[in-house]
Amino acid sequence: MPLTMAGIGESNLIKKVGGKEEVRRFLESLGFVMGGKVTVISKLDGNVIVNIKESRVALNKEMASKILI
């Protein structure tokens, strides 16, 4: 399921990062890699703030939907 569907406070493993090559590269540079642990901190209208690799990252709905958990 996409990251936008995760519950707040849930810790999940990333199974796949989709999208075009440049989008995947950008997300991987932020730490969104297969097998990585991601926790949703906050959600608003599909936009999410997540904790990944001890950093907080804000993603819009479009980017978050490309990350499958």
PDB file of N, CA and C in Angstrom:
ATOM      1  N   MET A   1       0.838  -1.185   0.000  1.00  0.00           N
ATOM      2  CA  MET A   1       0.000   0.000   0.000  1.00  0.00           C
ATOM      3  C   MET A   1       0.881   1.246   0.000  1.00  0.00           C
ATOM      4  N   PRO A   2       0.388   2.356  -0.507  1.00  0.00           N
ATOM      5  CA  PRO A   2       1.203   3.580  -0.543  1.00  0.00           C
ATOM      6  C   PRO A   2       1.378   4.187   0.852  1.00  0.00           C
ATOM      7  N   LEU A   3       2.406   4.964   1.008  1.00  0.00           N
ATOM      8  CA  LEU A   3       2.723   5.603   2.278  1.00  0.00           C
ATOM      9  C   LEU A   3       1.581   6.495   2.765  1.00  0.00           C
ATOM     10  N   THR A   4       0.792   7.036   1.848  1.00  0.00           N
ATOM     11  CA  THR A   4      -0.324   7.911   2.229  1.00  0.00           C
ATOM     12  C   THR A   4      -1.375   7.171   3.049  1.00  0.00           C
ATOM     13  N   MET A   5      -1.400   5.837   2.980  1.00  0.00           N
ATOM     14  CA  MET A   5      -2.397   5.036   3.698  1.00  0.00           C
ATOM     15  C   MET A   5      -1.927   4.622   5.088  1.00  0.00           C
ATOM     16  N   ALA A   6      -0.674   4.853   5.426  1.00  0.00           N
ATOM     17  CA  ALA A   6      -0.138   4.443   6.726  1.00  0.00           C
ATOM     18  C   ALA A   6      -0.747   5.273   7.845  1.00  0.00           C
ATOM     19  N   GLY A   7      -0.889   4.649   8.998  1.00  0.00           N
ATOM     20  CA  GLY A   7      -1.430   5.347  10.158  1.00  0.00           C
ATOM     21  C   GLY A   7      -0.346   6.159  10.856  1.00  0.00           C
ATOM     22  N   ILE A   8      -0.770   7.179  11.588  1.00  0.00           N
ATOM     23  CA  ILE A   8       0.172   8.022  12.329  1.00  0.00           C
ATOM     24  C   ILE A   8       0.800   7.202  13.456  1.00  0.00           C
ATOM     25  N   GLY A   9       2.121   7.288  13.560  1.00  0.00           N
ATOM     26  CA  GLY A   9       2.856   6.563  14.593  1.00  0.00           C
ATOM     27  C   GLY A   9       3.255   5.155  14.202  1.00  0.00           C
ATOM     28  N   GLU A  10       2.755   4.658  13.074  1.00  0.00           N
ATOM     29  CA  GLU A  10       3.106   3.311  12.606  1.00  0.00           C
ATOM     30  C   GLU A  10       4.505   3.301  12.026  1.00  0.00           C
ATOM     31  N   SER A  11       5.263   2.284  12.364  1.00  0.00           N
ATOM     32  CA  SER A  11       6.584   2.092  11.776  1.00  0.00           C
ATOM     33  C   SER A  11       6.448   1.045  10.674  1.00  0.00           C
ATOM     34  N   ASN A  12       6.895   1.367   9.476  1.00  0.00           N
ATOM     35  CA  ASN A  12       6.738   0.471   8.321  1.00  0.00           C
ATOM     36  C   ASN A  12       8.054   0.318   7.581  1.00  0.00           C
ATOM     37  N   LEU A  13       8.177  -0.795   6.859  1.00  0.00           N
ATOM     38  CA  LEU A  13       9.329  -1.011   5.992  1.00  0.00           C
ATOM     39  C   LEU A  13       8.952  -0.646   4.567  1.00  0.00           C
ATOM     40  N   ILE A  14       9.866  -0.002   3.875  1.00  0.00           N
ATOM     41  CA  ILE A  14       9.634   0.388   2.484  1.00  0.00           C
ATOM     42  C   ILE A  14       9.860  -0.829   1.599  1.00  0.00           C
ATOM     43  N   LYS A  15       8.853  -1.155   0.787  1.00  0.00           N
ATOM     44  CA  LYS A  15       8.954  -2.312  -0.100  1.00  0.00           C
ATOM     45  C   LYS A  15       9.375  -1.926  -1.506  1.00  0.00           C
ATOM     46  N   LYS A  16       8.970  -0.709  -1.943  1.00  0.00           N
ATOM     47  CA  LYS A  16       9.296  -0.283  -3.307  1.00  0.00           C
ATOM     48  C   LYS A  16       9.190   1.233  -3.402  1.00  0.00           C
ATOM     49  N   VAL A  17      10.056   1.811  -4.208  1.00  0.00           N
ATOM     50  CA  VAL A  17       9.974   3.236  -4.515  1.00  0.00           C
ATOM     51  C   VAL A  17       9.719   3.340  -6.014  1.00  0.00           C
ATOM     52  N   GLY A  18       8.552   3.866  -6.376  1.00  0.00           N
ATOM     53  CA  GLY A  18       8.158   3.930  -7.780  1.00  0.00           C
ATOM     54  C   GLY A  18       8.404   5.306  -8.378  1.00  0.00           C
ATOM     55  N   GLY A  19       7.869   5.500  -9.576  1.00  0.00           N
ATOM     56  CA  GLY A  19       7.992   6.776 -10.269  1.00  0.00           C
ATOM     57  C   GLY A  19       9.086   6.756 -11.307  1.00  0.00           C
ATOM     58  N   LYS A  20       9.283   7.909 -11.925  1.00  0.00           N
ATOM     59  CA  LYS A  20      10.331   8.048 -12.936  1.00  0.00           C
ATOM     60  C   LYS A  20      11.701   7.958 -12.272  1.00  0.00           C
ATOM     61  N   GLU A  21      12.715   7.715 -13.085  1.00  0.00           N
ATOM     62  CA  GLU A  21      14.086   7.547 -12.579  1.00  0.00           C
ATOM     63  C   GLU A  21      14.536   8.734 -11.725  1.00  0.00           C
ATOM     64  N   GLU A  22      14.271   9.947 -12.185  1.00  0.00           N
ATOM     65  CA  GLU A  22      14.721  11.131 -11.438  1.00  0.00           C
ATOM     66  C   GLU A  22      13.999  11.251 -10.097  1.00  0.00           C
ATOM     67  N   VAL A  23      12.718  10.871 -10.049  1.00  0.00           N
ATOM     68  CA  VAL A  23      11.957  10.910  -8.801  1.00  0.00           C
ATOM     69  C   VAL A  23      12.500   9.869  -7.826  1.00  0.00           C
ATOM     70  N   ARG A  24      12.765   8.647  -8.337  1.00  0.00           N
ATOM     71  CA  ARG A  24      13.321   7.589  -7.483  1.00  0.00           C
ATOM     72  C   ARG A  24      14.671   7.998  -6.916  1.00  0.00           C
ATOM     73  N   ARG A  25      15.514   8.589  -7.755  1.00  0.00           N
ATOM     74  CA  ARG A  25      16.840   9.027  -7.302  1.00  0.00           C
ATOM     75  C   ARG A  25      16.729  10.091  -6.205  1.00  0.00           C
ATOM     76  N   PHE A  26      15.794  11.037  -6.393  1.00  0.00           N
ATOM     77  CA  PHE A  26      15.585  12.092  -5.402  1.00  0.00           C
ATOM     78  C   PHE A  26      15.121  11.503  -4.062  1.00  0.00           C
ATOM     79  N   LEU A  27      14.132  10.600  -4.117  1.00  0.00           N
ATOM     80  CA  LEU A  27      13.631   9.988  -2.888  1.00  0.00           C
ATOM     81  C   LEU A  27      14.706   9.146  -2.201  1.00  0.00           C
ATOM     82  N   GLU A  28      15.516   8.434  -2.990  1.00  0.00           N
ATOM     83  CA  GLU A  28      16.603   7.635  -2.415  1.00  0.00           C
ATOM     84  C   GLU A  28      17.637   8.526  -1.748  1.00  0.00           C
ATOM     85  N   SER A  29      17.874   9.714  -2.290  1.00  0.00           N
ATOM     86  CA  SER A  29      18.833  10.627  -1.673  1.00  0.00           C
ATOM     87  C   SER A  29      18.323  11.141  -0.322  1.00  0.00           C
ATOM     88  N   LEU A  30      17.000  11.126  -0.140  1.00  0.00           N
ATOM     89  CA  LEU A  30      16.415  11.520   1.144  1.00  0.00           C
ATOM     90  C   LEU A  30      16.387  10.362   2.148  1.00  0.00           C
ATOM     91  N   GLY A  31      16.704   9.145   1.683  1.00  0.00           N
ATOM     92  CA  GLY A  31      16.731   7.989   2.569  1.00  0.00           C
ATOM     93  C   GLY A  31      15.627   6.980   2.323  1.00  0.00           C
ATOM     94  N   PHE A  32      14.776   7.219   1.343  1.00  0.00           N
ATOM     95  CA  PHE A  32      13.688   6.291   1.038  1.00  0.00           C
ATOM     96  C   PHE A  32      14.208   5.175   0.139  1.00  0.00           C
ATOM     97  N   VAL A  33      14.748   4.124   0.747  1.00  0.00           N
ATOM     98  CA  VAL A  33      15.302   2.987   0.017  1.00  0.00           C
ATOM     99  C   VAL A  33      14.572   1.714   0.451  1.00  0.00           C
ATOM    100  N   MET A  34      14.592   0.704  -0.405  1.00  0.00           N
ATOM    101  CA  MET A  34      13.953  -0.567  -0.080  1.00  0.00           C
ATOM    102  C   MET A  34      14.520  -1.113   1.227  1.00  0.00           C
ATOM    103  N   GLY A  35      13.626  -1.560   2.099  1.00  0.00           N
ATOM    104  CA  GLY A  35      14.047  -2.112   3.379  1.00  0.00           C
ATOM    105  C   GLY A  35      14.237  -1.062   4.456  1.00  0.00           C
ATOM    106  N   GLY A  36      14.145   0.214   4.094  1.00  0.00           N
ATOM    107  CA  GLY A  36      14.294   1.293   5.067  1.00  0.00           C
ATOM    108  C   GLY A  36      13.066   1.399   5.961  1.00  0.00           C
ATOM    109  N   LYS A  37      13.273   1.888   7.179  1.00  0.00           N
ATOM    110  CA  LYS A  37      12.179   2.040   8.129  1.00  0.00           C
ATOM    111  C   LYS A  37      11.662   3.471   8.082  1.00  0.00           C
ATOM    112  N   VAL A  38      10.349   3.624   7.975  1.00  0.00           N
ATOM    113  CA  VAL A  38       9.725   4.943   7.896  1.00  0.00           C
ATOM    114  C   VAL A  38       8.547   4.992   8.867  1.00  0.00           C
ATOM    115  N   THR A  39       8.431   6.112   9.589  1.00  0.00           N
ATOM    116  CA  THR A  39       7.345   6.304  10.541  1.00  0.00           C
ATOM    117  C   THR A  39       6.608   7.597  10.206  1.00  0.00           C
ATOM    118  N   VAL A  40       5.288   7.518  10.083  1.00  0.00           N
ATOM    119  CA  VAL A  40       4.481   8.699   9.790  1.00  0.00           C
ATOM    120  C   VAL A  40       4.285   9.494  11.084  1.00  0.00           C
ATOM    121  N   ILE A  41       4.657  10.767  11.051  1.00  0.00           N
ATOM    122  CA  ILE A  41       4.525  11.651  12.208  1.00  0.00           C
ATOM    123  C   ILE A  41       3.207  12.419  12.147  1.00  0.00           C
ATOM    124  N   SER A  42       2.851  12.893  10.940  1.00  0.00           N
ATOM    125  CA  SER A  42       1.667  13.733  10.788  1.00  0.00           C
ATOM    126  C   SER A  42       1.112  13.573   9.374  1.00  0.00           C
ATOM    127  N   LYS A  43      -0.214  13.738   9.247  1.00  0.00           N
ATOM    128  CA  LYS A  43      -0.879  13.665   7.941  1.00  0.00           C
ATOM    129  C   LYS A  43      -1.880  14.803   7.818  1.00  0.00           C
ATOM    130  N   LEU A  44      -1.965  15.376   6.607  1.00  0.00           N
ATOM    131  CA  LEU A  44      -2.961  16.409   6.336  1.00  0.00           C
ATOM    132  C   LEU A  44      -3.310  16.368   4.851  1.00  0.00           C
ATOM    133  N   ASP A  45      -4.523  15.967   4.526  1.00  0.00           N
ATOM    134  CA  ASP A  45      -5.001  15.880   3.140  1.00  0.00           C
ATOM    135  C   ASP A  45      -4.104  15.025   2.247  1.00  0.00           C
ATOM    136  N   GLY A  46      -3.528  13.958   2.772  1.00  0.00           N
ATOM    137  CA  GLY A  46      -2.655  13.092   1.980  1.00  0.00           C
ATOM    138  C   GLY A  46      -1.192  13.479   2.040  1.00  0.00           C
ATOM    139  N   ASN A  47      -0.891  14.715   2.426  1.00  0.00           N
ATOM    140  CA  ASN A  47       0.495  15.136   2.612  1.00  0.00           C
ATOM    141  C   ASN A  47       0.971  14.578   3.949  1.00  0.00           C
ATOM    142  N   VAL A  48       2.229  14.153   4.000  1.00  0.00           N
ATOM    143  CA  VAL A  48       2.722  13.510   5.219  1.00  0.00           C
ATOM    144  C   VAL A  48       4.052  14.094   5.675  1.00  0.00           C
ATOM    145  N   ILE A  49       4.283  14.009   6.969  1.00  0.00           N
ATOM    146  CA  ILE A  49       5.593  14.277   7.548  1.00  0.00           C
ATOM    147  C   ILE A  49       6.035  12.954   8.146  1.00  0.00           C
ATOM    148  N   VAL A  50       7.217  12.502   7.745  1.00  0.00           N
ATOM    149  CA  VAL A  50       7.697  11.199   8.186  1.00  0.00           C
ATOM    150  C   VAL A  50       9.060  11.317   8.865  1.00  0.00           C
ATOM    151  N   ASN A  51       9.351  10.317   9.662  1.00  0.00           N
ATOM    152  CA  ASN A  51      10.650  10.178  10.287  1.00  0.00           C
ATOM    153  C   ASN A  51      11.382   9.091   9.507  1.00  0.00           C
ATOM    154  N   ILE A  52      12.512   9.432   8.917  1.00  0.00           N
ATOM    155  CA  ILE A  52      13.314   8.452   8.188  1.00  0.00           C
ATOM    156  C   ILE A  52      14.776   8.721   8.471  1.00  0.00           C
ATOM    157  N   LYS A  53      15.491   7.686   8.861  1.00  0.00           N
ATOM    158  CA  LYS A  53      16.924   7.806   9.184  1.00  0.00           C
ATOM    159  C   LYS A  53      17.198   8.973  10.126  1.00  0.00           C
ATOM    160  N   GLU A  54      16.416   9.052  11.199  1.00  0.00           N
ATOM    161  CA  GLU A  54      16.575  10.071  12.237  1.00  0.00           C
ATOM    162  C   GLU A  54      16.407  11.500  11.720  1.00  0.00           C
ATOM    163  N   SER A  55      15.682  11.673  10.630  1.00  0.00           N
ATOM    164  CA  SER A  55      15.373  12.999  10.076  1.00  0.00           C
ATOM    165  C   SER A  55      13.878  13.070   9.798  1.00  0.00           C
ATOM    166  N   ARG A  56      13.342  14.270   9.850  1.00  0.00           N
ATOM    167  CA  ARG A  56      11.938  14.474   9.482  1.00  0.00           C
ATOM    168  C   ARG A  56      11.882  15.036   8.075  1.00  0.00           C
ATOM    169  N   VAL A  57      11.016  14.448   7.262  1.00  0.00           N
ATOM    170  CA  VAL A  57      10.876  14.851   5.864  1.00  0.00           C
ATOM    171  C   VAL A  57       9.392  15.049   5.565  1.00  0.00           C
ATOM    172  N   ALA A  58       9.064  16.151   4.919  1.00  0.00           N
ATOM    173  CA  ALA A  58       7.688  16.409   4.491  1.00  0.00           C
ATOM    174  C   ALA A  58       7.551  16.036   3.017  1.00  0.00           C
ATOM    175  N   LEU A  59       6.498  15.293   2.712  1.00  0.00           N
ATOM    176  CA  LEU A  59       6.230  14.869   1.336  1.00  0.00           C
ATOM    177  C   LEU A  59       4.811  15.236   0.958  1.00  0.00           C
ATOM    178  N   ASN A  60       4.653  15.703  -0.283  1.00  0.00           N
ATOM    179  CA  ASN A  60       3.285  15.960  -0.741  1.00  0.00           C
ATOM    180  C   ASN A  60       2.624  14.629  -1.113  1.00  0.00           C
ATOM    181  N   LYS A  61       1.346  14.689  -1.346  1.00  0.00           N
ATOM    182  CA  LYS A  61       0.555  13.476  -1.613  1.00  0.00           C
ATOM    183  C   LYS A  61       1.097  12.707  -2.809  1.00  0.00           C
ATOM    184  N   GLU A  62       1.490  13.416  -3.860  1.00  0.00           N
ATOM    185  CA  GLU A  62       1.981  12.776  -5.084  1.00  0.00           C
ATOM    186  C   GLU A  62       3.260  11.968  -4.824  1.00  0.00           C
ATOM    187  N   MET A  63       4.207  12.580  -4.101  1.00  0.00           N
ATOM    188  CA  MET A  63       5.482  11.880  -3.800  1.00  0.00           C
ATOM    189  C   MET A  63       5.252  10.723  -2.844  1.00  0.00           C
ATOM    190  N   ALA A  64       4.426  10.927  -1.834  1.00  0.00           N
ATOM    191  CA  ALA A  64       4.174   9.890  -0.829  1.00  0.00           C
ATOM    192  C   ALA A  64       3.488   8.678  -1.462  1.00  0.00           C
ATOM    193  N   SER A  65       2.681   8.890  -2.494  1.00  0.00           N
ATOM    194  CA  SER A  65       1.981   7.767  -3.127  1.00  0.00           C
ATOM    195  C   SER A  65       2.934   6.900  -3.952  1.00  0.00           C
ATOM    196  N   LYS A  66       4.121   7.388  -4.260  1.00  0.00           N
ATOM    197  CA  LYS A  66       5.107   6.606  -5.017  1.00  0.00           C
ATOM    198  C   LYS A  66       5.907   5.670  -4.118  1.00  0.00           C
ATOM    199  N   ILE A  67       5.792   5.841  -2.814  1.00  0.00           N
ATOM    200  CA  ILE A  67       6.515   4.999  -1.854  1.00  0.00           C
ATOM    201  C   ILE A  67       5.560   3.933  -1.338  1.00  0.00           C
ATOM    202  N   LEU A  68       5.875   2.677  -1.612  1.00  0.00           N
ATOM    203  CA  LEU A  68       5.017   1.564  -1.205  1.00  0.00           C
ATOM    204  C   LEU A  68       5.582   0.879   0.036  1.00  0.00           C
ATOM    205  N   ILE A  69       4.686   0.624   1.004  1.00  0.00           N
ATOM    206  CA  ILE A  69       5.105  -0.022   2.241  1.00  0.00           C
ATOM    207  C   ILE A  69       4.406  -1.357   2.405  1.00  0.00           C
TER     208      ILE A  69
END
